[in-house]
Amino acid sequence: MGSFSVWHWLIVLVVVLLVFGAGKLPKVATDVAQGIKNFKKGMSDPKPEDETPAAPSVPAGQINTANSAGAEQKPVADKVSG
C-alpha cells in the first residue's frame, strides 16, 4: 500500500483535468517552467539588475540647508519690519 498504482495516477490526472481544464494545462506548465528558469537565473546572477546608482556627493559648503527639508522660503521684504 506504500506505492501508487496506475489507477491512482489516472484518477489524479482526471481530477486535474476537471479542475484546470485541458486548455489551461499548457499555459500552467509554461508558467512553471519560466518561473524555474527565472529562479535559476536569479540564483546565478551576482548583482541584481535593478540596482540604482549612488547619489552624487555634494561638498558640505554647497548644501542649502534652509530649503533642504522642504521649508518654504519667504521673500526678504516679508522678513523686514518697519
PDB file of N, CA and C in Angstrom:
ATOM      1  N   MET A   1       0.817  -1.184   0.000  1.00  0.00           N
ATOM      2  CA  MET A   1       0.000   0.000   0.000  1.00  0.00           C
ATOM      3  C   MET A   1       0.865   1.254   0.000  1.00  0.00           C
ATOM      4  N   GLY A   2       2.199   1.116   0.012  1.00  0.00           N
ATOM      5  CA  GLY A   2       3.086   2.251   0.060  1.00  0.00           C
ATOM      6  C   GLY A   2       3.224   2.965  -1.264  1.00  0.00           C
ATOM      7  N   SER A   3       3.056   2.260  -2.380  1.00  0.00           N
ATOM      8  CA  SER A   3       3.208   2.916  -3.674  1.00  0.00           C
ATOM      9  C   SER A   3       1.854   3.054  -4.358  1.00  0.00           C
ATOM     10  N   PHE A   4       1.786   3.988  -5.297  1.00  0.00           N
ATOM     11  CA  PHE A   4       0.541   4.211  -6.016  1.00  0.00           C
ATOM     12  C   PHE A   4       0.531   3.367  -7.284  1.00  0.00           C
ATOM     13  N   SER A   5      -0.628   2.866  -7.635  1.00  0.00           N
ATOM     14  CA  SER A   5      -0.753   2.084  -8.853  1.00  0.00           C
ATOM     15  C   SER A   5      -1.103   2.998 -10.023  1.00  0.00           C
ATOM     16  N   VAL A   6      -1.187   2.437 -11.194  1.00  0.00           N
ATOM     17  CA  VAL A   6      -1.530   3.190 -12.391  1.00  0.00           C
ATOM     18  C   VAL A   6      -2.923   3.783 -12.258  1.00  0.00           C
ATOM     19  N   TRP A   7      -3.829   3.068 -11.639  1.00  0.00           N
ATOM     20  CA  TRP A   7      -5.201   3.561 -11.475  1.00  0.00           C
ATOM     21  C   TRP A   7      -5.241   4.805 -10.596  1.00  0.00           C
ATOM     22  N   HIS A   8      -4.414   4.846  -9.584  1.00  0.00           N
ATOM     23  CA  HIS A   8      -4.357   6.038  -8.739  1.00  0.00           C
ATOM     24  C   HIS A   8      -3.929   7.258  -9.563  1.00  0.00           C
ATOM     25  N   TRP A   9      -2.889   7.096 -10.388  1.00  0.00           N
ATOM     26  CA  TRP A   9      -2.393   8.201 -11.190  1.00  0.00           C
ATOM     27  C   TRP A   9      -3.408   8.631 -12.247  1.00  0.00           C
ATOM     28  N   LEU A  10      -4.156   7.698 -12.801  1.00  0.00           N
ATOM     29  CA  LEU A  10      -5.192   8.050 -13.776  1.00  0.00           C
ATOM     30  C   LEU A  10      -6.307   8.862 -13.124  1.00  0.00           C
ATOM     31  N   ILE A  11      -6.667   8.499 -11.913  1.00  0.00           N
ATOM     32  CA  ILE A  11      -7.700   9.253 -11.196  1.00  0.00           C
ATOM     33  C   ILE A  11      -7.202  10.666 -10.888  1.00  0.00           C
ATOM     34  N   VAL A  12      -5.954  10.781 -10.481  1.00  0.00           N
ATOM     35  CA  VAL A  12      -5.371  12.096 -10.206  1.00  0.00           C
ATOM     36  C   VAL A  12      -5.356  12.929 -11.487  1.00  0.00           C
ATOM     37  N   LEU A  13      -4.990  12.336 -12.610  1.00  0.00           N
ATOM     38  CA  LEU A  13      -4.969  13.043 -13.884  1.00  0.00           C
ATOM     39  C   LEU A  13      -6.356  13.526 -14.280  1.00  0.00           C
ATOM     40  N   VAL A  14      -7.377  12.692 -14.084  1.00  0.00           N
ATOM     41  CA  VAL A  14      -8.752  13.080 -14.410  1.00  0.00           C
ATOM     42  C   VAL A  14      -9.196  14.247 -13.530  1.00  0.00           C
ATOM     43  N   VAL A  15      -8.873  14.207 -12.259  1.00  0.00           N
ATOM     44  CA  VAL A  15      -9.251  15.293 -11.349  1.00  0.00           C
ATOM     45  C   VAL A  15      -8.547  16.594 -11.751  1.00  0.00           C
ATOM     46  N   VAL A  16      -7.269  16.516 -12.109  1.00  0.00           N
ATOM     47  CA  VAL A  16      -6.534  17.710 -12.531  1.00  0.00           C
ATOM     48  C   VAL A  16      -7.144  18.273 -13.808  1.00  0.00           C
ATOM     49  N   LEU A  17      -7.506  17.412 -14.755  1.00  0.00           N
ATOM     50  CA  LEU A  17      -8.138  17.878 -15.986  1.00  0.00           C
ATOM     51  C   LEU A  17      -9.490  18.528 -15.721  1.00  0.00           C
ATOM     52  N   LEU A  18     -10.230  17.997 -14.760  1.00  0.00           N
ATOM     53  CA  LEU A  18     -11.523  18.592 -14.425  1.00  0.00           C
ATOM     54  C   LEU A  18     -11.358  19.958 -13.752  1.00  0.00           C
ATOM     55  N   VAL A  19     -10.347  20.090 -12.915  1.00  0.00           N
ATOM     56  CA  VAL A  19     -10.144  21.344 -12.189  1.00  0.00           C
ATOM     57  C   VAL A  19      -9.593  22.432 -13.115  1.00  0.00           C
ATOM     58  N   PHE A  20      -8.537  22.114 -13.854  1.00  0.00           N
ATOM     59  CA  PHE A  20      -7.868  23.120 -14.666  1.00  0.00           C
ATOM     60  C   PHE A  20      -8.417  23.202 -16.094  1.00  0.00           C
ATOM     61  N   GLY A  21      -8.932  22.140 -16.597  1.00  0.00           N
ATOM     62  CA  GLY A  21      -9.352  22.113 -17.998  1.00  0.00           C
ATOM     63  C   GLY A  21      -8.171  21.793 -18.893  1.00  0.00           C
ATOM     64  N   ALA A  22      -8.424  21.176 -20.010  1.00  0.00           N
ATOM     65  CA  ALA A  22      -7.342  20.743 -20.893  1.00  0.00           C
ATOM     66  C   ALA A  22      -6.635  21.924 -21.545  1.00  0.00           C
ATOM     67  N   GLY A  23      -7.319  23.029 -21.765  1.00  0.00           N
ATOM     68  CA  GLY A  23      -6.712  24.183 -22.419  1.00  0.00           C
ATOM     69  C   GLY A  23      -5.746  24.948 -21.548  1.00  0.00           C
ATOM     70  N   LYS A  24      -5.928  24.916 -20.235  1.00  0.00           N
ATOM     71  CA  LYS A  24      -5.090  25.685 -19.330  1.00  0.00           C
ATOM     72  C   LYS A  24      -3.810  24.961 -18.941  1.00  0.00           C
ATOM     73  N   LEU A  25      -3.747  23.660 -19.112  1.00  0.00           N
ATOM     74  CA  LEU A  25      -2.572  22.912 -18.672  1.00  0.00           C
ATOM     75  C   LEU A  25      -1.284  23.339 -19.374  1.00  0.00           C
ATOM     76  N   PRO A  26      -1.269  23.548 -20.693  1.00  0.00           N
ATOM     77  CA  PRO A  26      -0.013  24.011 -21.306  1.00  0.00           C
ATOM     78  C   PRO A  26       0.434  25.377 -20.789  1.00  0.00           C
ATOM     79  N   LYS A  27      -0.517  26.269 -20.538  1.00  0.00           N
ATOM     80  CA  LYS A  27      -0.161  27.589 -20.008  1.00  0.00           C
ATOM     81  C   LYS A  27       0.408  27.471 -18.596  1.00  0.00           C
ATOM     82  N   VAL A  28      -0.187  26.616 -17.786  1.00  0.00           N
ATOM     83  CA  VAL A  28       0.313  26.414 -16.424  1.00  0.00           C
ATOM     84  C   VAL A  28       1.712  25.821 -16.463  1.00  0.00           C
ATOM     85  N   ALA A  29       1.933  24.837 -17.341  1.00  0.00           N
ATOM     86  CA  ALA A  29       3.252  24.222 -17.452  1.00  0.00           C
ATOM     87  C   ALA A  29       4.292  25.230 -17.931  1.00  0.00           C
ATOM     88  N   THR A  30       3.919  26.097 -18.874  1.00  0.00           N
ATOM     89  CA  THR A  30       4.833  27.120 -19.367  1.00  0.00           C
ATOM     90  C   THR A  30       5.179  28.110 -18.263  1.00  0.00           C
ATOM     91  N   ASP A  31       4.190  28.532 -17.495  1.00  0.00           N
ATOM     92  CA  ASP A  31       4.425  29.468 -16.392  1.00  0.00           C
ATOM     93  C   ASP A  31       5.351  28.871 -15.338  1.00  0.00           C
ATOM     94  N   VAL A  32       5.151  27.604 -15.032  1.00  0.00           N
ATOM     95  CA  VAL A  32       6.003  26.935 -14.037  1.00  0.00           C
ATOM     96  C   VAL A  32       7.431  26.846 -14.563  1.00  0.00           C
ATOM     97  N   ALA A  33       7.600  26.489 -15.836  1.00  0.00           N
ATOM     98  CA  ALA A  33       8.937  26.370 -16.419  1.00  0.00           C
ATOM     99  C   ALA A  33       9.650  27.724 -16.438  1.00  0.00           C
ATOM    100  N   GLN A  34       8.929  28.795 -16.777  1.00  0.00           N
ATOM    101  CA  GLN A  34       9.534  30.130 -16.783  1.00  0.00           C
ATOM    102  C   GLN A  34       9.913  30.560 -15.367  1.00  0.00           C
ATOM    103  N   GLY A  35       9.090  30.207 -14.402  1.00  0.00           N
ATOM    104  CA  GLY A  35       9.405  30.533 -13.014  1.00  0.00           C
ATOM    105  C   GLY A  35      10.664  29.836 -12.539  1.00  0.00           C
ATOM    106  N   ILE A  36      10.818  28.584 -12.902  1.00  0.00           N
ATOM    107  CA  ILE A  36      12.023  27.838 -12.516  1.00  0.00           C
ATOM    108  C   ILE A  36      13.243  28.428 -13.210  1.00  0.00           C
ATOM    109  N   LYS A  37      13.111  28.783 -14.493  1.00  0.00           N
ATOM    110  CA  LYS A  37      14.224  29.360 -15.241  1.00  0.00           C
ATOM    111  C   LYS A  37      14.643  30.697 -14.621  1.00  0.00           C
ATOM    112  N   ASN A  38      13.667  31.543 -14.274  1.00  0.00           N
ATOM    113  CA  ASN A  38      13.982  32.838 -13.665  1.00  0.00           C
ATOM    114  C   ASN A  38      14.612  32.667 -12.289  1.00  0.00           C
ATOM    115  N   PHE A  39      14.168  31.671 -11.548  1.00  0.00           N
ATOM    116  CA  PHE A  39      14.749  31.413 -10.228  1.00  0.00           C
ATOM    117  C   PHE A  39      16.212  31.000 -10.367  1.00  0.00           C
ATOM    118  N   LYS A  40      16.506  30.103 -11.297  1.00  0.00           N
ATOM    119  CA  LYS A  40      17.886  29.662 -11.503  1.00  0.00           C
ATOM    120  C   LYS A  40      18.760  30.821 -11.967  1.00  0.00           C
ATOM    121  N   LYS A  41      18.218  31.670 -12.856  1.00  0.00           N
ATOM    122  CA  LYS A  41      18.967  32.825 -13.333  1.00  0.00           C
ATOM    123  C   LYS A  41      19.249  33.788 -12.179  1.00  0.00           C
ATOM    124  N   GLY A  42      18.259  33.993 -11.332  1.00  0.00           N
ATOM    125  CA  GLY A  42      18.435  34.885 -10.188  1.00  0.00           C
ATOM    126  C   GLY A  42      19.453  34.363  -9.182  1.00  0.00           C
ATOM    127  N   MET A  43      19.519  33.059  -9.044  1.00  0.00           N
ATOM    128  CA  MET A  43      20.488  32.482  -8.116  1.00  0.00           C
ATOM    129  C   MET A  43      21.908  32.568  -8.652  1.00  0.00           C
ATOM    130  N   SER A  44      22.084  32.586  -9.973  1.00  0.00           N
ATOM    131  CA  SER A  44      23.423  32.612 -10.547  1.00  0.00           C
ATOM    132  C   SER A  44      23.938  34.034 -10.756  1.00  0.00           C
ATOM    133  N   ASP A  45      23.073  35.043 -10.822  1.00  0.00           N
ATOM    134  CA  ASP A  45      23.496  36.428 -11.018  1.00  0.00           C
ATOM    135  C   ASP A  45      24.111  36.971  -9.733  1.00  0.00           C
ATOM    136  N   PRO A  46      25.324  37.536  -9.818  1.00  0.00           N
ATOM    137  CA  PRO A  46      25.929  38.090  -8.604  1.00  0.00           C
ATOM    138  C   PRO A  46      25.328  39.428  -8.194  1.00  0.00           C
ATOM    139  N   LYS A  47      24.822  40.226  -9.183  1.00  0.00           N
ATOM    140  CA  LYS A  47      24.253  41.537  -8.879  1.00  0.00           C
ATOM    141  C   LYS A  47      22.829  41.600  -9.393  1.00  0.00           C
ATOM    142  N   PRO A  48      21.924  42.232  -8.650  1.00  0.00           N
ATOM    143  CA  PRO A  48      20.563  42.404  -9.165  1.00  0.00           C
ATOM    144  C   PRO A  48      20.544  43.390 -10.322  1.00  0.00           C
ATOM    145  N   GLU A  49      19.597  43.224 -11.242  1.00  0.00           N
ATOM    146  CA  GLU A  49      19.506  44.071 -12.423  1.00  0.00           C
ATOM    147  C   GLU A  49      18.999  45.473 -12.093  1.00  0.00           C
ATOM    148  N   ASP A  50      18.164  45.606 -11.086  1.00  0.00           N
ATOM    149  CA  ASP A  50      17.547  46.893 -10.783  1.00  0.00           C
ATOM    150  C   ASP A  50      18.347  47.679  -9.745  1.00  0.00           C
ATOM    151  N   GLU A  51      19.650  47.525  -9.744  1.00  0.00           N
ATOM    152  CA  GLU A  51      20.492  48.248  -8.800  1.00  0.00           C
ATOM    153  C   GLU A  51      20.544  49.713  -9.195  1.00  0.00           C
ATOM    154  N   THR A  52      20.245  50.599  -8.266  1.00  0.00           N
ATOM    155  CA  THR A  52      20.237  52.027  -8.553  1.00  0.00           C
ATOM    156  C   THR A  52      21.609  52.609  -8.243  1.00  0.00           C
ATOM    157  N   PRO A  53      22.084  53.560  -9.053  1.00  0.00           N
ATOM    158  CA  PRO A  53      23.382  54.166  -8.778  1.00  0.00           C
ATOM    159  C   PRO A  53      23.309  55.060  -7.543  1.00  0.00           C
ATOM    160  N   ALA A  54      24.442  55.229  -6.915  1.00  0.00           N
ATOM    161  CA  ALA A  54      24.505  56.062  -5.715  1.00  0.00           C
ATOM    162  C   ALA A  54      24.332  57.525  -6.093  1.00  0.00           C
ATOM    163  N   ALA A  55      23.766  58.313  -5.170  1.00  0.00           N
ATOM    164  CA  ALA A  55      23.562  59.737  -5.404  1.00  0.00           C
ATOM    165  C   ALA A  55      24.912  60.438  -5.420  1.00  0.00           C
ATOM    166  N   PRO A  56      25.100  61.444  -6.269  1.00  0.00           N
ATOM    167  CA  PRO A  56      26.380  62.156  -6.303  1.00  0.00           C
ATOM    168  C   PRO A  56      26.595  62.905  -4.999  1.00  0.00           C
ATOM    169  N   SER A  57      27.834  62.936  -4.567  1.00  0.00           N
ATOM    170  CA  SER A  57      28.135  63.619  -3.308  1.00  0.00           C
ATOM    171  C   SER A  57      28.327  65.107  -3.565  1.00  0.00           C
ATOM    172  N   VAL A  58      27.848  65.915  -2.642  1.00  0.00           N
ATOM    173  CA  VAL A  58      27.945  67.374  -2.725  1.00  0.00           C
ATOM    174  C   VAL A  58      28.786  67.835  -1.551  1.00  0.00           C
ATOM    175  N   PRO A  59      29.774  68.700  -1.779  1.00  0.00           N
ATOM    176  CA  PRO A  59      30.569  69.215  -0.653  1.00  0.00           C
ATOM    177  C   PRO A  59      29.678  69.912   0.372  1.00  0.00           C
ATOM    178  N   ALA A  60      30.048  69.825   1.635  1.00  0.00           N
ATOM    179  CA  ALA A  60      29.225  70.336   2.724  1.00  0.00           C
ATOM    180  C   ALA A  60      28.964  71.837   2.615  1.00  0.00           C
ATOM    181  N   GLY A  61      29.869  72.620   2.064  1.00  0.00           N
ATOM    182  CA  GLY A  61      29.689  74.054   1.957  1.00  0.00           C
ATOM    183  C   GLY A  61      28.659  74.447   0.908  1.00  0.00           C
ATOM    184  N   GLN A  62      28.288  73.549   0.016  1.00  0.00           N
ATOM    185  CA  GLN A  62      27.383  73.888  -1.075  1.00  0.00           C
ATOM    186  C   GLN A  62      25.946  73.447  -0.822  1.00  0.00           C
ATOM    187  N   ILE A  63      25.662  72.850   0.299  1.00  0.00           N
ATOM    188  CA  ILE A  63      24.312  72.375   0.586  1.00  0.00           C
ATOM    189  C   ILE A  63      23.476  73.526   1.109  1.00  0.00           C
ATOM    190  N   ASN A  64      22.285  73.734   0.560  1.00  0.00           N
ATOM    191  CA  ASN A  64      21.360  74.765   1.013  1.00  0.00           C
ATOM    192  C   ASN A  64      20.509  74.146   2.119  1.00  0.00           C
ATOM    193  N   THR A  65      20.850  74.398   3.362  1.00  0.00           N
ATOM    194  CA  THR A  65      20.145  73.780   4.483  1.00  0.00           C
ATOM    195  C   THR A  65      18.785  74.410   4.732  1.00  0.00           C
ATOM    196  N   ALA A  66      18.560  75.640   4.287  1.00  0.00           N
ATOM    197  CA  ALA A  66      17.282  76.304   4.531  1.00  0.00           C
ATOM    198  C   ALA A  66      16.158  75.639   3.742  1.00  0.00           C
ATOM    199  N   ASN A  67      16.452  75.137   2.576  1.00  0.00           N
ATOM    200  CA  ASN A  67      15.403  74.573   1.735  1.00  0.00           C
ATOM    201  C   ASN A  67      15.550  73.062   1.579  1.00  0.00           C
ATOM    202  N   SER A  68      16.525  72.452   2.237  1.00  0.00           N
ATOM    203  CA  SER A  68      16.757  71.024   2.035  1.00  0.00           C
ATOM    204  C   SER A  68      15.658  70.171   2.657  1.00  0.00           C
ATOM    205  N   ALA A  69      14.986  70.664   3.675  1.00  0.00           N
ATOM    206  CA  ALA A  69      13.929  69.887   4.322  1.00  0.00           C
ATOM    207  C   ALA A  69      12.561  70.224   3.755  1.00  0.00           C
ATOM    208  N   GLY A  70      12.510  70.935   2.651  1.00  0.00           N
ATOM    209  CA  GLY A  70      11.238  71.282   2.045  1.00  0.00           C
ATOM    210  C   GLY A  70      10.612  72.522   2.647  1.00  0.00           C
ATOM    211  N   ALA A  71      11.398  73.318   3.391  1.00  0.00           N
ATOM    212  CA  ALA A  71      10.863  74.527   4.004  1.00  0.00           C
ATOM    213  C   ALA A  71      10.613  75.572   2.918  1.00  0.00           C
ATOM    214  N   GLU A  72       9.552  76.311   3.078  1.00  0.00           N
ATOM    215  CA  GLU A  72       9.194  77.340   2.104  1.00  0.00           C
ATOM    216  C   GLU A  72      10.003  78.592   2.385  1.00  0.00           C
ATOM    217  N   GLN A  73      10.633  79.118   1.330  1.00  0.00           N
ATOM    218  CA  GLN A  73      11.414  80.332   1.501  1.00  0.00           C
ATOM    219  C   GLN A  73      10.522  81.541   1.262  1.00  0.00           C
ATOM    220  N   LYS A  74      10.608  82.547   2.162  1.00  0.00           N
ATOM    221  CA  LYS A  74       9.817  83.760   2.040  1.00  0.00           C
ATOM    222  C   LYS A  74      10.688  84.856   1.467  1.00  0.00           C
ATOM    223  N   PRO A  75      10.106  85.789   0.761  1.00  0.00           N
ATOM    224  CA  PRO A  75      10.891  86.913   0.243  1.00  0.00           C
ATOM    225  C   PRO A  75      11.461  87.739   1.380  1.00  0.00           C
ATOM    226  N   VAL A  76      12.551  88.437   1.093  1.00  0.00           N
ATOM    227  CA  VAL A  76      13.233  89.236   2.118  1.00  0.00           C
ATOM    228  C   VAL A  76      12.328  90.351   2.619  1.00  0.00           C
ATOM    229  N   ALA A  77      11.464  90.914   1.792  1.00  0.00           N
ATOM    230  CA  ALA A  77      10.601  92.015   2.179  1.00  0.00           C
ATOM    231  C   ALA A  77       9.635  91.593   3.284  1.00  0.00           C
ATOM    232  N   ASP A  78       9.231  90.347   3.338  1.00  0.00           N
ATOM    233  CA  ASP A  78       8.318  89.896   4.382  1.00  0.00           C
ATOM    234  C   ASP A  78       9.011  89.802   5.742  1.00  0.00           C
ATOM    235  N   LYS A  79      10.315  89.586   5.724  1.00  0.00           N
ATOM    236  CA  LYS A  79      11.043  89.414   6.965  1.00  0.00           C
ATOM    237  C   LYS A  79      11.401  90.751   7.621  1.00  0.00           C
ATOM    238  N   VAL A  80      11.487  91.787   6.840  1.00  0.00           N
ATOM    239  CA  VAL A  80      11.891  93.093   7.368  1.00  0.00           C
ATOM    240  C   VAL A  80      10.648  93.830   7.836  1.00  0.00           C
ATOM    241  N   SER A  81      10.688  94.282   9.068  1.00  0.00           N
ATOM    242  CA  SER A  81       9.533  95.054   9.574  1.00  0.00           C
ATOM    243  C   SER A  81       9.932  96.527   9.650  1.00  0.00           C
ATOM    244  N   GLY A  82       9.026  97.376   9.377  1.00  0.00           N
ATOM    245  CA  GLY A  82       9.412  98.739   9.553  1.00  0.00           C
ATOM    246  C   GLY A  82       8.794  99.713   8.751  1.00  0.00           C
TER     247      GLY A  82
END
